[in-house]
């Protein structure tokens, strides 16, 4: 059985980061802590990007049903960004919150982001971290989400032309103004994270982390634990590649994975062989590939919160079940070897997607 979860109502007073939590009982889910404030959030969150863009066509009605089912299961940590569908994703989350009124808002922790600037229909982007841009983006996100305060506000990508002190200083001002509860950074280096924490506590560091993307293990996971910063792992299922259910030649033309270097050509073929090994490992334990990939993260690191994305209720339910999957030290070591970094082929993004990643 999945264990108990209580979701939160937050109140920030006098410009501090202390949360006054009024508990709302919802269905079962284990919890982990978010940032120095130790805000309880569900052990796994829900990445909402694919409900608006990048993964082929989507359906708002189906997405809203998936969001509702997530909350029923106790998944109360929703991840979005202003660039996902160029505002559509935040509007969608806003509709979901409005459907449930004040009670639903109190149950859900919303994370959103600023910094990626794109034109409609284009994947290419520029990065803006200027204080004036941050303030304007925050106000726009608040309006689209239909909320008074954002629970976690990330700098989505780093522009080195803006000193990190200026960027984080502007974000800290939003906390003081009561528009943001906690702040986060995405895809920055350990050096940048340390410099940012001098200005203001950084509650969360979001980067890609999964069986086939192991870079955070080099330094970042240790630094996050030292600083009290929660590590939020996006694409923990390798954009569904690790599930063994996706092949590039079957994807829609408007699915960005169709041209992802790890999905295509010789690299894709080599990576499929690794996933076949994962399939054998999972089948022997009566679990899906997705459950094993999530359990690997959860069993290795108590301060990691993965945010697998899905638009489908059946996949959501499978992912939630992973919170009760226990792996032994031997299991984890076997998976570490199977997906040793030198065995994974291809960069994780096309060139345009690497902009702003330190």
Foldseek 3Di string as FASTA:
>chain_A
DAAFDWFFAFDDPQLDLATDTDTDGAAGADWFAFFPNGHTFGLAAAEALVCAAQQDDHDLVLLLVLVVVCVNNRRAEYEEECPRNVLPSLLSLLVSDVVVPPVSVRRHAYEYEDFWDDDPPDPFTGGDLALVRVVVRLVSSCVSNVHQAHAEYEHAFDDVVDQLLRSLLSVSVCSSVRRYNAYAYEQEDLVSQVVSVVNPTHREYEYADWLQDPVCVVPVLVSCVVRRHFYEHEPRCLLVVLQLPDALVPGDPRNQVVPFFCRDDPLNVLVSVLSVVLCVVQVVVVATSLLVGLLLVVQVHSRYHYHYYDSHNVVSVSNSVSSPDHDDPVRSVVSCVSNPNVSRDHDRGDPSVCPRRD
